[in-house]
Each structure stands twice: as C-alpha cells, then as structure tokens.
PDB file of N, CA and C in Angstrom:
ATOM      1  N   UNK A   1     -60.683-101.587  27.286  1.00  0.00           N
ATOM      2  CA  UNK A   1     -60.959-101.132  25.878  1.00  0.00           C
ATOM      3  C   UNK A   1     -59.312-101.821  25.236  1.00  0.00           C
ATOM      4  N   UNK A   2     -59.792-102.405  24.046  1.00  0.00           N
ATOM      5  CA  UNK A   2     -59.214-103.397  23.046  1.00  0.00           C
ATOM      6  C   UNK A   2     -58.208-102.461  22.490  1.00  0.00           C
ATOM      7  N   UNK A   3     -56.969-102.260  21.892  1.00  0.00           N
ATOM      8  CA  UNK A   3     -56.264-101.573  21.178  1.00  0.00           C
ATOM      9  C   UNK A   3     -56.653-101.738  20.006  1.00  0.00           C
ATOM     10  N   UNK A   4     -56.811-100.610  19.199  1.00  0.00           N
ATOM     11  CA  UNK A   4     -56.825-100.524  17.861  1.00  0.00           C
ATOM     12  C   UNK A   4     -56.022-101.465  16.793  1.00  0.00           C
ATOM     13  N   UNK A   5     -55.089-101.730  15.856  1.00  0.00           N
ATOM     14  CA  UNK A   5     -54.904-101.515  15.228  1.00  0.00           C
ATOM     15  C   UNK A   5     -54.305-101.191  14.046  1.00  0.00           C
ATOM     16  N   UNK A   6     -53.173-100.736  13.515  1.00  0.00           N
ATOM     17  CA  UNK A   6     -52.421 -99.339  12.809  1.00  0.00           C
ATOM     18  C   UNK A   6     -53.290 -99.163  11.745  1.00  0.00           C
ATOM     19  N   UNK A   7     -54.267-100.018  10.933  1.00  0.00           N
ATOM     20  CA  UNK A   7     -54.664 -99.997  10.473  1.00  0.00           C
ATOM     21  C   UNK A   7     -55.763 -99.489  10.247  1.00  0.00           C
ATOM     22  N   UNK A   8     -56.804 -99.985  11.558  1.00  0.00           N
ATOM     23  CA  UNK A   8     -58.439 -99.464  12.086  1.00  0.00           C
ATOM     24  C   UNK A   8     -58.156 -97.980  12.632  1.00  0.00           C
ATOM     25  N   UNK A   9     -56.727 -97.758  13.213  1.00  0.00           N
ATOM     26  CA  UNK A   9     -56.569 -96.166  13.833  1.00  0.00           C
ATOM     27  C   UNK A   9     -56.699 -95.190  12.498  1.00  0.00           C
ATOM     28  N   UNK A  10     -55.564 -95.697  11.324  1.00  0.00           N
ATOM     29  CA  UNK A  10     -55.586 -95.147  10.200  1.00  0.00           C
ATOM     30  C   UNK A  10     -56.826 -94.317   9.532  1.00  0.00           C
ATOM     31  N   UNK A  11     -58.089 -95.237   9.355  1.00  0.00           N
ATOM     32  CA  UNK A  11     -59.114 -95.281   9.006  1.00  0.00           C
ATOM     33  C   UNK A  11     -60.234 -94.722   9.870  1.00  0.00           C
ATOM     34  N   UNK A  12     -60.157 -94.699  11.347  1.00  0.00           N
ATOM     35  CA  UNK A  12     -60.899 -94.169  12.045  1.00  0.00           C
ATOM     36  C   UNK A  12     -60.545 -92.751  11.667  1.00  0.00           C
ATOM     37  N   UNK A  13     -59.338 -92.401  11.379  1.00  0.00           N
ATOM     38  CA  UNK A  13     -58.606 -90.762  11.672  1.00  0.00           C
ATOM     39  C   UNK A  13     -58.959 -90.559  10.839  1.00  0.00           C
ATOM     40  N   UNK A  14     -59.356 -90.867   9.190  1.00  0.00           N
ATOM     41  CA  UNK A  14     -59.726 -90.419   8.141  1.00  0.00           C
ATOM     42  C   UNK A  14     -60.697 -90.225   8.131  1.00  0.00           C
ATOM     43  N   UNK A  15     -61.829 -91.440   8.710  1.00  0.00           N
ATOM     44  CA  UNK A  15     -63.180 -91.284   8.779  1.00  0.00           C
ATOM     45  C   UNK A  15     -63.433 -89.788   9.773  1.00  0.00           C
ATOM     46  N   UNK A  16     -62.959 -89.969  10.925  1.00  0.00           N
ATOM     47  CA  UNK A  16     -62.671 -88.357  11.610  1.00  0.00           C
ATOM     48  C   UNK A  16     -63.303 -87.275  11.114  1.00  0.00           C
ATOM     49  N   UNK A  17     -61.978 -87.121  10.031  1.00  0.00           N
ATOM     50  CA  UNK A  17     -61.771 -86.285   9.641  1.00  0.00           C
ATOM     51  C   UNK A  17     -62.684 -85.328   8.552  1.00  0.00           C
ATOM     52  N   UNK A  18     -63.166 -86.522   8.840  1.00  0.00           N
ATOM     53  CA  UNK A  18     -64.954 -86.200   7.498  1.00  0.00           C
ATOM     54  C   UNK A  18     -64.623 -86.904   5.765  1.00  0.00           C
ATOM     55  N   UNK A  19     -63.479 -87.897   5.912  1.00  0.00           N
ATOM     56  CA  UNK A  19     -63.718 -88.995   4.252  1.00  0.00           C
ATOM     57  C   UNK A  19     -65.108 -89.531   4.251  1.00  0.00           C
ATOM     58  N   UNK A  20     -64.955 -90.381   3.336  1.00  0.00           N
ATOM     59  CA  UNK A  20     -66.029 -91.079   3.016  1.00  0.00           C
ATOM     60  C   UNK A  20     -66.168 -92.163   2.976  1.00  0.00           C
ATOM     61  N   UNK A  21     -66.581 -93.333   3.377  1.00  0.00           N
ATOM     62  CA  UNK A  21     -65.527 -94.888   3.252  1.00  0.00           C
ATOM     63  C   UNK A  21     -65.057 -94.757   1.712  1.00  0.00           C
ATOM     64  N   UNK A  22     -65.653 -94.455   0.911  1.00  0.00           N
ATOM     65  CA  UNK A  22     -65.117 -94.575  -0.729  1.00  0.00           C
ATOM     66  C   UNK A  22     -64.698 -93.609  -0.304  1.00  0.00           C
ATOM     67  N   UNK A  23     -63.619 -92.249  -0.346  1.00  0.00           N
ATOM     68  CA  UNK A  23     -62.726 -91.774  -0.582  1.00  0.00           C
ATOM     69  C   UNK A  23     -61.841 -92.374   0.620  1.00  0.00           C
ATOM     70  N   UNK A  24     -61.987 -92.991   1.612  1.00  0.00           N
ATOM     71  CA  UNK A  24     -60.947 -93.207   2.678  1.00  0.00           C
ATOM     72  C   UNK A  24     -60.133 -94.746   1.724  1.00  0.00           C
ATOM     73  N   UNK A  25     -61.253 -95.541   1.189  1.00  0.00           N
ATOM     74  CA  UNK A  25     -60.698 -96.746   0.247  1.00  0.00           C
ATOM     75  C   UNK A  25     -60.079 -96.610  -0.874  1.00  0.00           C
ATOM     76  N   UNK A  26     -60.320 -95.558  -1.700  1.00  0.00           N
ATOM     77  CA  UNK A  26     -59.248 -94.745  -2.788  1.00  0.00           C
ATOM     78  C   UNK A  26     -58.022 -94.507  -2.280  1.00  0.00           C
ATOM     79  N   UNK A  27     -58.204 -94.109  -1.046  1.00  0.00           N
ATOM     80  CA  UNK A  27     -56.755 -93.112  -0.503  1.00  0.00           C
ATOM     81  C   UNK A  27     -55.365 -94.345   0.067  1.00  0.00           C
ATOM     82  N   UNK A  28     -56.718 -95.617   0.670  1.00  0.00           N
ATOM     83  CA  UNK A  28     -56.110 -96.739   1.229  1.00  0.00           C
ATOM     84  C   UNK A  28     -55.759 -97.655   0.440  1.00  0.00           C
ATOM     85  N   UNK A  29     -56.443 -97.347  -1.038  1.00  0.00           N
ATOM     86  CA  UNK A  29     -56.305 -98.836  -1.838  1.00  0.00           C
ATOM     87  C   UNK A  29     -56.665 -99.817  -1.756  1.00  0.00           C
ATOM     88  N   UNK A  30     -57.953-100.382  -0.916  1.00  0.00           N
ATOM     89  CA  UNK A  30     -58.904-100.916  -0.130  1.00  0.00           C
ATOM     90  C   UNK A  30     -60.416-100.763  -0.859  1.00  0.00           C
ATOM     91  N   UNK A  31     -61.436-101.940  -0.183  1.00  0.00           N
ATOM     92  CA  UNK A  31     -62.733-101.343  -1.011  1.00  0.00           C
ATOM     93  C   UNK A  31     -63.113-101.040   0.315  1.00  0.00           C
ATOM     94  N   UNK A  32     -64.711-100.033  -0.375  1.00  0.00           N
ATOM     95  CA  UNK A  32     -65.597 -99.575   0.375  1.00  0.00           C
ATOM     96  C   UNK A  32     -66.094-100.269   1.773  1.00  0.00           C
ATOM     97  N   UNK A  33     -66.078-101.812   1.189  1.00  0.00           N
ATOM     98  CA  UNK A  33     -66.976-102.396   2.428  1.00  0.00           C
ATOM     99  C   UNK A  33     -65.548-102.862   3.157  1.00  0.00           C
ATOM    100  N   UNK A  34     -64.073-102.811   2.989  1.00  0.00           N
ATOM    101  CA  UNK A  34     -63.119-103.178   4.173  1.00  0.00           C
ATOM    102  C   UNK A  34     -63.194-102.348   5.432  1.00  0.00           C
ATOM    103  N   UNK A  35     -63.456-100.702   4.331  1.00  0.00           N
ATOM    104  CA  UNK A  35     -63.351 -99.589   5.284  1.00  0.00           C
ATOM    105  C   UNK A  35     -64.645 -99.945   5.908  1.00  0.00           C
ATOM    106  N   UNK A  36     -65.448-100.576   5.995  1.00  0.00           N
ATOM    107  CA  UNK A  36     -67.359-100.147   6.594  1.00  0.00           C
ATOM    108  C   UNK A  36     -67.340-101.336   7.611  1.00  0.00           C
ATOM    109  N   UNK A  37     -66.035-102.390   7.535  1.00  0.00           N
ATOM    110  CA  UNK A  37     -66.028-103.113   8.322  1.00  0.00           C
ATOM    111  C   UNK A  37     -65.294-103.122   9.619  1.00  0.00           C
ATOM    112  N   UNK A  38     -63.908-102.164   8.564  1.00  0.00           N
ATOM    113  CA  UNK A  38     -63.130-101.884   9.962  1.00  0.00           C
ATOM    114  C   UNK A  38     -63.636-100.365  11.261  1.00  0.00           C
ATOM    115  N   UNK A  39     -64.488-100.305  10.012  1.00  0.00           N
ATOM    116  CA  UNK A  39     -65.546 -98.825  11.429  1.00  0.00           C
ATOM    117  C   UNK A  39     -66.087 -99.970  12.212  1.00  0.00           C
ATOM    118  N   UNK A  40     -66.914-100.690  11.647  1.00  0.00           N
ATOM    119  CA  UNK A  40     -67.992-101.682  12.445  1.00  0.00           C
ATOM    120  C   UNK A  40     -66.976-102.399  13.357  1.00  0.00           C
ATOM    121  N   UNK A  41     -65.758-102.749  13.054  1.00  0.00           N
ATOM    122  CA  UNK A  41     -64.656-103.004  14.296  1.00  0.00           C
ATOM    123  C   UNK A  41     -64.376-101.737  15.655  1.00  0.00           C
ATOM    124  N   UNK A  42     -64.191-101.028  14.895  1.00  0.00           N
ATOM    125  CA  UNK A  42     -63.359 -99.502  15.593  1.00  0.00           C
ATOM    126  C   UNK A  42     -64.468 -99.510  17.232  1.00  0.00           C
ATOM    127  N   UNK A  43     -65.810 -98.997  16.404  1.00  0.00           N
ATOM    128  CA  UNK A  43     -66.998 -98.548  17.246  1.00  0.00           C
ATOM    129  C   UNK A  43     -67.103 -98.979  18.607  1.00  0.00           C
ATOM    130  N   UNK A  44     -66.988-100.528  18.762  1.00  0.00           N
ATOM    131  CA  UNK A  44     -67.014-101.005  19.979  1.00  0.00           C
ATOM    132  C   UNK A  44     -65.853-100.706  20.927  1.00  0.00           C
ATOM    133  N   UNK A  45     -64.737-100.876  20.194  1.00  0.00           N
ATOM    134  CA  UNK A  45     -63.488-100.792  20.689  1.00  0.00           C
ATOM    135  C   UNK A  45     -63.372 -99.316  21.619  1.00  0.00           C
ATOM    136  N   UNK A  46     -64.206 -98.195  20.989  1.00  0.00           N
ATOM    137  CA  UNK A  46     -63.578 -97.309  21.413  1.00  0.00           C
ATOM    138  C   UNK A  46     -64.811 -96.432  22.293  1.00  0.00           C
ATOM    139  N   UNK A  47     -66.024 -97.609  22.262  1.00  0.00           N
ATOM    140  CA  UNK A  47     -67.473 -97.229  22.928  1.00  0.00           C
ATOM    141  C   UNK A  47     -67.653 -96.194  22.764  1.00  0.00           C
ATOM    142  N   UNK A  48     -68.187 -96.129  20.930  1.00  0.00           N
ATOM    143  CA  UNK A  48     -69.275 -95.258  20.564  1.00  0.00           C
ATOM    144  C   UNK A  48     -69.876 -95.754  19.819  1.00  0.00           C
ATOM    145  N   UNK A  49     -71.473 -95.150  19.649  1.00  0.00           N
ATOM    146  CA  UNK A  49     -71.868 -96.119  18.858  1.00  0.00           C
ATOM    147  C   UNK A  49     -72.552 -95.181  17.333  1.00  0.00           C
ATOM    148  N   UNK A  50     -71.517 -93.777  17.004  1.00  0.00           N
ATOM    149  CA  UNK A  50     -72.172 -93.562  15.716  1.00  0.00           C
ATOM    150  C   UNK A  50     -70.762 -92.594  15.460  1.00  0.00           C
ATOM    151  N   UNK A  51     -70.709 -92.637  13.938  1.00  0.00           N
ATOM    152  CA  UNK A  51     -69.281 -92.115  13.106  1.00  0.00           C
ATOM    153  C   UNK A  51     -68.784 -90.529  13.777  1.00  0.00           C
ATOM    154  N   UNK A  52     -69.772 -89.534  14.231  1.00  0.00           N
ATOM    155  CA  UNK A  52     -69.814 -88.149  14.516  1.00  0.00           C
ATOM    156  C   UNK A  52     -68.982 -88.330  15.507  1.00  0.00           C
ATOM    157  N   UNK A  53     -69.188 -89.551  16.769  1.00  0.00           N
ATOM    158  CA  UNK A  53     -67.970 -89.702  18.187  1.00  0.00           C
ATOM    159  C   UNK A  53     -66.700 -89.694  17.843  1.00  0.00           C
ATOM    160  N   UNK A  54     -66.236 -90.113  16.711  1.00  0.00           N
ATOM    161  CA  UNK A  54     -64.670 -90.487  16.688  1.00  0.00           C
ATOM    162  C   UNK A  54     -63.667 -89.616  16.710  1.00  0.00           C
ATOM    163  N   UNK A  55     -64.232 -88.150  16.599  1.00  0.00           N
ATOM    164  CA  UNK A  55     -62.972 -87.537  16.540  1.00  0.00           C
ATOM    165  C   UNK A  55     -62.924 -87.515  18.081  1.00  0.00           C
ATOM    166  N   UNK A  56     -64.147 -86.614  18.619  1.00  0.00           N
ATOM    167  CA  UNK A  56     -63.719 -86.841  20.255  1.00  0.00           C
ATOM    168  C   UNK A  56     -63.169 -88.346  21.062  1.00  0.00           C
ATOM    169  N   UNK A  57     -63.915 -89.595  20.488  1.00  0.00           N
ATOM    170  CA  UNK A  57     -63.141 -90.550  21.054  1.00  0.00           C
ATOM    171  C   UNK A  57     -61.756 -90.838  20.908  1.00  0.00           C
ATOM    172  N   UNK A  58     -60.776 -90.436  19.296  1.00  0.00           N
ATOM    173  CA  UNK A  58     -59.716 -90.282  19.064  1.00  0.00           C
ATOM    174  C   UNK A  58     -58.767 -89.530  19.567  1.00  0.00           C
ATOM    175  N   UNK A  59     -59.727 -87.862  19.959  1.00  0.00           N
ATOM    176  CA  UNK A  59     -58.968 -87.158  21.000  1.00  0.00           C
ATOM    177  C   UNK A  59     -58.640 -87.317  22.440  1.00  0.00           C
ATOM    178  N   UNK A  60     -59.420 -87.936  22.863  1.00  0.00           N
ATOM    179  CA  UNK A  60     -60.062 -88.065  24.195  1.00  0.00           C
ATOM    180  C   UNK A  60     -60.031 -89.944  24.935  1.00  0.00           C
ATOM    181  N   UNK A  61     -58.791 -90.768  24.306  1.00  0.00           N
ATOM    182  CA  UNK A  61     -59.210 -92.120  24.465  1.00  0.00           C
ATOM    183  C   UNK A  61     -59.074 -92.453  25.521  1.00  0.00           C
ATOM    184  N   UNK A  62     -60.233 -93.337  26.250  1.00  0.00           N
ATOM    185  CA  UNK A  62     -60.397 -93.588  27.763  1.00  0.00           C
ATOM    186  C   UNK A  62     -59.129 -94.361  28.404  1.00  0.00           C
ATOM    187  N   UNK A  63     -58.889 -94.203  29.446  1.00  0.00           N
ATOM    188  CA  UNK A  63     -57.616 -94.994  30.066  1.00  0.00           C
ATOM    189  C   UNK A  63     -57.746 -96.008  30.435  1.00  0.00           C
ATOM    190  N   UNK A  64     -57.018 -97.262  29.548  1.00  0.00           N
ATOM    191  CA  UNK A  64     -56.749 -98.153  29.782  1.00  0.00           C
ATOM    192  C   UNK A  64     -56.459 -98.559  31.214  1.00  0.00           C
ATOM    193  N   UNK A  65     -56.131 -97.890  32.221  1.00  0.00           N
ATOM    194  CA  UNK A  65     -55.762 -98.472  33.262  1.00  0.00           C
ATOM    195  C   UNK A  65     -56.946 -97.538  34.818  1.00  0.00           C
ATOM    196  N   UNK A  66     -58.163 -97.509  34.391  1.00  0.00           N
ATOM    197  CA  UNK A  66     -58.887 -96.360  35.423  1.00  0.00           C
ATOM    198  C   UNK A  66     -58.362 -96.746  36.887  1.00  0.00           C
ATOM    199  N   UNK A  67     -58.228 -96.043  37.398  1.00  0.00           N
ATOM    200  CA  UNK A  67     -58.407 -96.410  38.888  1.00  0.00           C
ATOM    201  C   UNK A  67     -59.437 -96.491  39.789  1.00  0.00           C
TER     202      UNK A  67
END
C-alpha cells in the first residue's frame, strides 16, 4: 500500500465523515474537481472501490508489512 499524502488523508477523512465533494472543497479552499481527483487517487491506495468503504479503510489500515 502506498501511503496517503497529508491532503489525501484529510480529504478522505472528511469524505468518510459524510461531507460531499462540494462541502470538502469549500472547507479546504479547493475546487470540487480537485477533491474528486484526490479521492480517485485514494481509492486504489486504500484498496477500496467505493466511497462507502472509506470509513472502514481509514479505521483499519492494511498492514504495510504483512508476515
């Protein structure tokens, strides 16, 4: 798993909390398209395919060094 950048993590946490892309963009002074792009990059890094899986993926990150 590739680590998330600080901005990707912040956006993912806000999305997991239920905020829309537009709400996240307003809060972080970004465009909604930029938020969408970051989430598009976050999903494969977390090994998920839907926004609904964000909360669980952030709460239980995969072990970067599996045995």
